[in-house]
Amino acid sequence: MFTINVEKECGCFQRSPYENNMQFGSKDDALLQAQLMVNHMNSKFCQKHEFEVREDGNTFAIGVDMRTQPRSGCCGGGHCS
């Protein structure tokens, strides 16, 4: 089994339809889903954080860091101010 683990669940992640520690039978399926999640999170979440995926054995870890220069705009969720 291959797992996608989000290391720190920010508020945007908690409000999203994504689940932490999702498991997949295929490495390719897990990697594809992790990349899709990171792309979505980096473009649609509030822009305060930067997400990246790293492979660690059978786990794809999605790390989160504060953005050095926040992007302008808001996701419209009412929590960016």
PDB file of N, CA and C in Angstrom:
ATOM      1  N   MET A   1       0.834  -1.186   0.000  1.00  0.00           N
ATOM      2  CA  MET A   1       0.000   0.000   0.000  1.00  0.00           C
ATOM      3  C   MET A   1       0.880   1.250   0.000  1.00  0.00           C
ATOM      4  N   PHE A   2       0.379   2.283  -0.648  1.00  0.00           N
ATOM      5  CA  PHE A   2       1.049   3.576  -0.712  1.00  0.00           C
ATOM      6  C   PHE A   2       0.120   4.614  -0.096  1.00  0.00           C
ATOM      7  N   THR A   3       0.702   5.517   0.686  1.00  0.00           N
ATOM      8  CA  THR A   3      -0.077   6.481   1.454  1.00  0.00           C
ATOM      9  C   THR A   3       0.302   7.896   1.073  1.00  0.00           C
ATOM     10  N   ILE A   4      -0.706   8.778   1.049  1.00  0.00           N
ATOM     11  CA  ILE A   4      -0.468  10.217   0.918  1.00  0.00           C
ATOM     12  C   ILE A   4      -0.707  10.812   2.298  1.00  0.00           C
ATOM     13  N   ASN A   5       0.345  11.410   2.845  1.00  0.00           N
ATOM     14  CA  ASN A   5       0.258  12.006   4.177  1.00  0.00           C
ATOM     15  C   ASN A   5       0.493  13.506   4.087  1.00  0.00           C
ATOM     16  N   VAL A   6      -0.467  14.287   4.578  1.00  0.00           N
ATOM     17  CA  VAL A   6      -0.315  15.737   4.663  1.00  0.00           C
ATOM     18  C   VAL A   6       0.266  16.012   6.044  1.00  0.00           C
ATOM     19  N   GLU A   7       1.497  16.545   6.067  1.00  0.00           N
ATOM     20  CA  GLU A   7       2.225  16.686   7.322  1.00  0.00           C
ATOM     21  C   GLU A   7       1.572  17.662   8.296  1.00  0.00           C
ATOM     22  N   LYS A   8       1.064  18.778   7.797  1.00  0.00           N
ATOM     23  CA  LYS A   8       0.379  19.761   8.650  1.00  0.00           C
ATOM     24  C   LYS A   8      -0.913  20.151   7.965  1.00  0.00           C
ATOM     25  N   GLU A   9      -2.029  19.890   8.624  1.00  0.00           N
ATOM     26  CA  GLU A   9      -3.325  20.210   8.049  1.00  0.00           C
ATOM     27  C   GLU A   9      -3.688  21.658   8.361  1.00  0.00           C
ATOM     28  N   CYS A  10      -3.516  22.540   7.381  1.00  0.00           N
ATOM     29  CA  CYS A  10      -3.922  23.935   7.569  1.00  0.00           C
ATOM     30  C   CYS A  10      -5.446  24.012   7.516  1.00  0.00           C
ATOM     31  N   GLY A  11      -5.980  25.172   7.833  1.00  0.00           N
ATOM     32  CA  GLY A  11      -7.430  25.349   7.834  1.00  0.00           C
ATOM     33  C   GLY A  11      -8.060  25.091   6.482  1.00  0.00           C
ATOM     34  N   CYS A  12      -7.399  25.532   5.419  1.00  0.00           N
ATOM     35  CA  CYS A  12      -7.939  25.303   4.071  1.00  0.00           C
ATOM     36  C   CYS A  12      -8.028  23.810   3.776  1.00  0.00           C
ATOM     37  N   PHE A  13      -7.014  23.057   4.188  1.00  0.00           N
ATOM     38  CA  PHE A  13      -7.046  21.608   3.961  1.00  0.00           C
ATOM     39  C   PHE A  13      -8.192  20.988   4.755  1.00  0.00           C
ATOM     40  N   GLN A  14      -8.367  21.408   5.986  1.00  0.00           N
ATOM     41  CA  GLN A  14      -9.425  20.847   6.829  1.00  0.00           C
ATOM     42  C   GLN A  14     -10.813  21.120   6.259  1.00  0.00           C
ATOM     43  N   ARG A  15     -10.976  22.235   5.565  1.00  0.00           N
ATOM     44  CA  ARG A  15     -12.269  22.567   4.953  1.00  0.00           C
ATOM     45  C   ARG A  15     -12.439  21.959   3.562  1.00  0.00           C
ATOM     46  N   SER A  16     -11.370  21.398   3.016  1.00  0.00           N
ATOM     47  CA  SER A  16     -11.423  20.836   1.669  1.00  0.00           C
ATOM     48  C   SER A  16     -12.028  19.429   1.705  1.00  0.00           C
ATOM     49  N   PRO A  17     -12.361  18.901   0.532  1.00  0.00           N
ATOM     50  CA  PRO A  17     -12.879  17.526   0.488  1.00  0.00           C
ATOM     51  C   PRO A  17     -11.782  16.467   0.593  1.00  0.00           C
ATOM     52  N   TYR A  18     -10.517  16.888   0.666  1.00  0.00           N
ATOM     53  CA  TYR A  18      -9.416  15.925   0.744  1.00  0.00           C
ATOM     54  C   TYR A  18      -9.347  15.274   2.116  1.00  0.00           C
ATOM     55  N   GLU A  19      -8.818  14.065   2.130  1.00  0.00           N
ATOM     56  CA  GLU A  19      -8.604  13.328   3.375  1.00  0.00           C
ATOM     57  C   GLU A  19      -7.114  13.113   3.564  1.00  0.00           C
ATOM     58  N   ASN A  20      -6.674  13.089   4.799  1.00  0.00           N
ATOM     59  CA  ASN A  20      -5.280  12.788   5.105  1.00  0.00           C
ATOM     60  C   ASN A  20      -5.100  11.274   5.165  1.00  0.00           C
ATOM     61  N   ASN A  21      -3.907  10.823   4.872  1.00  0.00           N
ATOM     62  CA  ASN A  21      -3.536   9.399   4.949  1.00  0.00           C
ATOM     63  C   ASN A  21      -4.352   8.513   4.020  1.00  0.00           C
ATOM     64  N   MET A  22      -4.638   9.027   2.813  1.00  0.00           N
ATOM     65  CA  MET A  22      -5.336   8.201   1.818  1.00  0.00           C
ATOM     66  C   MET A  22      -4.386   7.099   1.366  1.00  0.00           C
ATOM     67  N   GLN A  23      -4.926   5.920   1.120  1.00  0.00           N
ATOM     68  CA  GLN A  23      -4.105   4.781   0.724  1.00  0.00           C
ATOM     69  C   GLN A  23      -4.481   4.302  -0.672  1.00  0.00           C
ATOM     70  N   PHE A  24      -3.454   3.860  -1.391  1.00  0.00           N
ATOM     71  CA  PHE A  24      -3.607   3.399  -2.763  1.00  0.00           C
ATOM     72  C   PHE A  24      -2.839   2.095  -2.932  1.00  0.00           C
ATOM     73  N   GLY A  25      -3.337   1.229  -3.785  1.00  0.00           N
ATOM     74  CA  GLY A  25      -2.663  -0.032  -4.072  1.00  0.00           C
ATOM     75  C   GLY A  25      -1.521   0.116  -5.060  1.00  0.00           C
ATOM     76  N   SER A  26      -1.504   1.230  -5.789  1.00  0.00           N
ATOM     77  CA  SER A  26      -0.512   1.445  -6.827  1.00  0.00           C
ATOM     78  C   SER A  26       0.305   2.703  -6.525  1.00  0.00           C
ATOM     79  N   LYS A  27       1.612   2.600  -6.719  1.00  0.00           N
ATOM     80  CA  LYS A  27       2.487   3.762  -6.522  1.00  0.00           C
ATOM     81  C   LYS A  27       2.124   4.869  -7.504  1.00  0.00           C
ATOM     82  N   ASP A  28       1.860   4.498  -8.742  1.00  0.00           N
ATOM     83  CA  ASP A  28       1.506   5.499  -9.760  1.00  0.00           C
ATOM     84  C   ASP A  28       0.227   6.240  -9.398  1.00  0.00           C
ATOM     85  N   ASP A  29      -0.780   5.517  -8.903  1.00  0.00           N
ATOM     86  CA  ASP A  29      -2.042   6.162  -8.508  1.00  0.00           C
ATOM     87  C   ASP A  29      -1.818   7.127  -7.346  1.00  0.00           C
ATOM     88  N   ALA A  30      -1.019   6.718  -6.377  1.00  0.00           N
ATOM     89  CA  ALA A  30      -0.743   7.567  -5.217  1.00  0.00           C
ATOM     90  C   ALA A  30       0.027   8.821  -5.629  1.00  0.00           C
ATOM     91  N   LEU A  31       1.030   8.652  -6.477  1.00  0.00           N
ATOM     92  CA  LEU A  31       1.818   9.795  -6.925  1.00  0.00           C
ATOM     93  C   LEU A  31       0.960  10.757  -7.744  1.00  0.00           C
ATOM     94  N   LEU A  32       0.150  10.235  -8.638  1.00  0.00           N
ATOM     95  CA  LEU A  32      -0.720  11.086  -9.443  1.00  0.00           C
ATOM     96  C   LEU A  32      -1.673  11.880  -8.556  1.00  0.00           C
ATOM     97  N   GLN A  33      -2.297  11.212  -7.587  1.00  0.00           N
ATOM     98  CA  GLN A  33      -3.231  11.898  -6.690  1.00  0.00           C
ATOM     99  C   GLN A  33      -2.509  12.951  -5.845  1.00  0.00           C
ATOM    100  N   ALA A  34      -1.320  12.636  -5.354  1.00  0.00           N
ATOM    101  CA  ALA A  34      -0.548  13.595  -4.552  1.00  0.00           C
ATOM    102  C   ALA A  34      -0.207  14.830  -5.378  1.00  0.00           C
ATOM    103  N   GLN A  35       0.191  14.628  -6.625  1.00  0.00           N
ATOM    104  CA  GLN A  35       0.519  15.763  -7.490  1.00  0.00           C
ATOM    105  C   GLN A  35      -0.714  16.594  -7.807  1.00  0.00           C
ATOM    106  N   LEU A  36      -1.840  15.954  -8.040  1.00  0.00           N
ATOM    107  CA  LEU A  36      -3.085  16.683  -8.283  1.00  0.00           C
ATOM    108  C   LEU A  36      -3.482  17.500  -7.060  1.00  0.00           C
ATOM    109  N   MET A  37      -3.336  16.906  -5.888  1.00  0.00           N
ATOM    110  CA  MET A  37      -3.666  17.614  -4.646  1.00  0.00           C
ATOM    111  C   MET A  37      -2.781  18.842  -4.468  1.00  0.00           C
ATOM    112  N   VAL A  38      -1.481  18.673  -4.639  1.00  0.00           N
ATOM    113  CA  VAL A  38      -0.540  19.783  -4.453  1.00  0.00           C
ATOM    114  C   VAL A  38      -0.838  20.905  -5.448  1.00  0.00           C
ATOM    115  N   ASN A  39      -1.085  20.550  -6.698  1.00  0.00           N
ATOM    116  CA  ASN A  39      -1.414  21.568  -7.695  1.00  0.00           C
ATOM    117  C   ASN A  39      -2.678  22.333  -7.311  1.00  0.00           C
ATOM    118  N   HIS A  40      -3.701  21.607  -6.882  1.00  0.00           N
ATOM    119  CA  HIS A  40      -4.950  22.243  -6.472  1.00  0.00           C
ATOM    120  C   HIS A  40      -4.737  23.115  -5.223  1.00  0.00           C
ATOM    121  N   MET A  41      -4.041  22.584  -4.253  1.00  0.00           N
ATOM    122  CA  MET A  41      -3.825  23.311  -3.001  1.00  0.00           C
ATOM    123  C   MET A  41      -3.012  24.583  -3.239  1.00  0.00           C
ATOM    124  N   ASN A  42      -2.006  24.522  -4.103  1.00  0.00           N
ATOM    125  CA  ASN A  42      -1.183  25.699  -4.390  1.00  0.00           C
ATOM    126  C   ASN A  42      -1.931  26.756  -5.197  1.00  0.00           C
ATOM    127  N   SER A  43      -2.920  26.352  -5.977  1.00  0.00           N
ATOM    128  CA  SER A  43      -3.627  27.330  -6.806  1.00  0.00           C
ATOM    129  C   SER A  43      -4.962  27.782  -6.221  1.00  0.00           C
ATOM    130  N   LYS A  44      -5.615  26.954  -5.403  1.00  0.00           N
ATOM    131  CA  LYS A  44      -6.974  27.275  -4.954  1.00  0.00           C
ATOM    132  C   LYS A  44      -7.095  27.623  -3.470  1.00  0.00           C
ATOM    133  N   PHE A  45      -6.126  27.230  -2.669  1.00  0.00           N
ATOM    134  CA  PHE A  45      -6.202  27.557  -1.249  1.00  0.00           C
ATOM    135  C   PHE A  45      -5.852  29.029  -1.046  1.00  0.00           C
ATOM    136  N   CYS A  46      -5.838  29.523   0.165  1.00  0.00           N
ATOM    137  CA  CYS A  46      -5.746  30.957   0.475  1.00  0.00           C
ATOM    138  C   CYS A  46      -4.425  31.611   0.118  1.00  0.00           C
ATOM    139  N   GLN A  47      -3.454  30.871  -0.322  1.00  0.00           N
ATOM    140  CA  GLN A  47      -2.168  31.388  -0.785  1.00  0.00           C
ATOM    141  C   GLN A  47      -1.212  31.789   0.338  1.00  0.00           C
ATOM    142  N   LYS A  48      -1.528  31.468   1.567  1.00  0.00           N
ATOM    143  CA  LYS A  48      -0.604  31.743   2.669  1.00  0.00           C
ATOM    144  C   LYS A  48       0.477  30.679   2.763  1.00  0.00           C
ATOM    145  N   HIS A  49       0.217  29.506   2.179  1.00  0.00           N
ATOM    146  CA  HIS A  49       1.138  28.383   2.276  1.00  0.00           C
ATOM    147  C   HIS A  49       1.574  27.899   0.904  1.00  0.00           C
ATOM    148  N   GLU A  50       2.702  27.218   0.892  1.00  0.00           N
ATOM    149  CA  GLU A  50       3.228  26.566  -0.314  1.00  0.00           C
ATOM    150  C   GLU A  50       3.290  25.068  -0.013  1.00  0.00           C
ATOM    151  N   PHE A  51       2.751  24.260  -0.882  1.00  0.00           N
ATOM    152  CA  PHE A  51       2.706  22.813  -0.684  1.00  0.00           C
ATOM    153  C   PHE A  51       3.649  22.133  -1.656  1.00  0.00           C
ATOM    154  N   GLU A  52       4.268  21.035  -1.206  1.00  0.00           N
ATOM    155  CA  GLU A  52       5.142  20.252  -2.067  1.00  0.00           C
ATOM    156  C   GLU A  52       5.029  18.790  -1.682  1.00  0.00           C
ATOM    157  N   VAL A  53       5.274  17.928  -2.643  1.00  0.00           N
ATOM    158  CA  VAL A  53       5.191  16.484  -2.391  1.00  0.00           C
ATOM    159  C   VAL A  53       6.601  15.900  -2.434  1.00  0.00           C
ATOM    160  N   ARG A  54       6.858  15.003  -1.480  1.00  0.00           N
ATOM    161  CA  ARG A  54       8.132  14.282  -1.405  1.00  0.00           C
ATOM    162  C   ARG A  54       7.825  12.798  -1.241  1.00  0.00           C
ATOM    163  N   GLU A  55       8.651  11.983  -1.866  1.00  0.00           N
ATOM    164  CA  GLU A  55       8.501  10.535  -1.728  1.00  0.00           C
ATOM    165  C   GLU A  55       9.369  10.050  -0.581  1.00  0.00           C
ATOM    166  N   ASP A  56       8.787   9.263   0.316  1.00  0.00           N
ATOM    167  CA  ASP A  56       9.501   8.711   1.460  1.00  0.00           C
ATOM    168  C   ASP A  56       9.085   7.252   1.610  1.00  0.00           C
ATOM    169  N   GLY A  57       9.766   6.378   0.898  1.00  0.00           N
ATOM    170  CA  GLY A  57       9.406   4.957   0.920  1.00  0.00           C
ATOM    171  C   GLY A  57       8.054   4.749   0.257  1.00  0.00           C
ATOM    172  N   ASN A  58       7.113   4.180   0.994  1.00  0.00           N
ATOM    173  CA  ASN A  58       5.764   3.943   0.484  1.00  0.00           C
ATOM    174  C   ASN A  58       4.819   5.097   0.780  1.00  0.00           C
ATOM    175  N   THR A  59       5.372   6.220   1.219  1.00  0.00           N
ATOM    176  CA  THR A  59       4.559   7.381   1.567  1.00  0.00           C
ATOM    177  C   THR A  59       4.925   8.561   0.687  1.00  0.00           C
ATOM    178  N   PHE A  60       3.901   9.247   0.213  1.00  0.00           N
ATOM    179  CA  PHE A  60       4.091  10.532  -0.452  1.00  0.00           C
ATOM    180  C   PHE A  60       3.672  11.590   0.556  1.00  0.00           C
ATOM    181  N   ALA A  61       4.659  12.300   1.069  1.00  0.00           N
ATOM    182  CA  ALA A  61       4.409  13.303   2.099  1.00  0.00           C
ATOM    183  C   ALA A  61       4.196  14.656   1.441  1.00  0.00           C
ATOM    184  N   ILE A  62       3.103  15.306   1.804  1.00  0.00           N
ATOM    185  CA  ILE A  62       2.844  16.656   1.327  1.00  0.00           C
ATOM    186  C   ILE A  62       3.209  17.602   2.457  1.00  0.00           C
ATOM    187  N   GLY A  63       4.271  18.375   2.225  1.00  0.00           N
ATOM    188  CA  GLY A  63       4.745  19.334   3.208  1.00  0.00           C
ATOM    189  C   GLY A  63       4.127  20.692   2.963  1.00  0.00           C
ATOM    190  N   VAL A  64       4.072  21.501   3.997  1.00  0.00           N
ATOM    191  CA  VAL A  64       3.505  22.848   3.909  1.00  0.00           C
ATOM    192  C   VAL A  64       4.456  23.832   4.572  1.00  0.00           C
ATOM    193  N   ASP A  65       4.698  24.936   3.889  1.00  0.00           N
ATOM    194  CA  ASP A  65       5.524  26.016   4.419  1.00  0.00           C
ATOM    195  C   ASP A  65       4.811  27.328   4.160  1.00  0.00           C
ATOM    196  N   MET A  66       5.150  28.342   4.951  1.00  0.00           N
ATOM    197  CA  MET A  66       4.625  29.681   4.706  1.00  0.00           C
ATOM    198  C   MET A  66       5.219  30.185   3.400  1.00  0.00           C
ATOM    199  N   ARG A  67       4.431  30.876   2.621  1.00  0.00           N
ATOM    200  CA  ARG A  67       4.941  31.495   1.389  1.00  0.00           C
ATOM    201  C   ARG A  67       5.835  32.668   1.762  1.00  0.00           C
ATOM    202  N   THR A  68       6.937  32.817   1.063  1.00  0.00           N
ATOM    203  CA  THR A  68       7.823  33.946   1.328  1.00  0.00           C
ATOM    204  C   THR A  68       7.204  35.241   0.817  1.00  0.00           C
ATOM    205  N   GLN A  69       6.501  35.176  -0.295  1.00  0.00           N
ATOM    206  CA  GLN A  69       5.786  36.328  -0.825  1.00  0.00           C
ATOM    207  C   GLN A  69       4.394  35.859  -1.194  1.00  0.00           C
ATOM    208  N   PRO A  70       3.414  36.160  -0.336  1.00  0.00           N
ATOM    209  CA  PRO A  70       2.052  35.701  -0.621  1.00  0.00           C
ATOM    210  C   PRO A  70       1.560  36.242  -1.960  1.00  0.00           C
ATOM    211  N   ARG A  71       0.808  35.427  -2.643  1.00  0.00           N
ATOM    212  CA  ARG A  71       0.200  35.862  -3.896  1.00  0.00           C
ATOM    213  C   ARG A  71      -0.946  36.811  -3.567  1.00  0.00           C
ATOM    214  N   SER A  72      -1.208  37.715  -4.471  1.00  0.00           N
ATOM    215  CA  SER A  72      -2.342  38.610  -4.250  1.00  0.00           C
ATOM    216  C   SER A  72      -3.625  37.859  -4.500  1.00  0.00           C
ATOM    217  N   GLY A  73      -4.683  38.333  -3.898  1.00  0.00           N
ATOM    218  CA  GLY A  73      -5.985  37.730  -4.105  1.00  0.00           C
ATOM    219  C   GLY A  73      -6.385  36.847  -2.951  1.00  0.00           C
ATOM    220  N   CYS A  74      -7.583  36.388  -3.023  1.00  0.00           N
ATOM    221  CA  CYS A  74      -8.165  35.593  -1.950  1.00  0.00           C
ATOM    222  C   CYS A  74      -8.964  34.472  -2.589  1.00  0.00           C
ATOM    223  N   CYS A  75      -9.045  33.368  -1.892  1.00  0.00           N
ATOM    224  CA  CYS A  75      -9.796  32.236  -2.423  1.00  0.00           C
ATOM    225  C   CYS A  75     -11.296  32.431  -2.274  1.00  0.00           C
ATOM    226  N   GLY A  76     -11.710  33.462  -1.491  1.00  0.00           N
ATOM    227  CA  GLY A  76     -13.125  33.732  -1.327  1.00  0.00           C
ATOM    228  C   GLY A  76     -13.794  32.959  -0.210  1.00  0.00           C
ATOM    229  N   GLY A  77     -13.010  32.263   0.590  1.00  0.00           N
ATOM    230  CA  GLY A  77     -13.575  31.469   1.676  1.00  0.00           C
ATOM    231  C   GLY A  77     -13.894  32.255   2.929  1.00  0.00           C
ATOM    232  N   GLY A  78     -13.537  33.539   2.962  1.00  0.00           N
ATOM    233  CA  GLY A  78     -13.844  34.374   4.113  1.00  0.00           C
ATOM    234  C   GLY A  78     -12.881  34.227   5.266  1.00  0.00           C
ATOM    235  N   HIS A  79     -11.796  33.531   5.083  1.00  0.00           N
ATOM    236  CA  HIS A  79     -10.861  33.277   6.188  1.00  0.00           C
ATOM    237  C   HIS A  79      -9.474  33.865   5.913  1.00  0.00           C
ATOM    238  N   CYS A  80      -9.335  34.648   4.852  1.00  0.00           N
ATOM    239  CA  CYS A  80      -8.015  35.153   4.455  1.00  0.00           C
ATOM    240  C   CYS A  80      -7.650  36.469   5.133  1.00  0.00           C
ATOM    241  N   SER A  81      -8.572  37.126   5.766  1.00  0.00           N
ATOM    242  CA  SER A  81      -8.242  38.422   6.370  1.00  0.00           C
ATOM    243  C   SER A  81      -7.680  38.291   7.751  1.00  0.00           C
TER     244      SER A  81
END
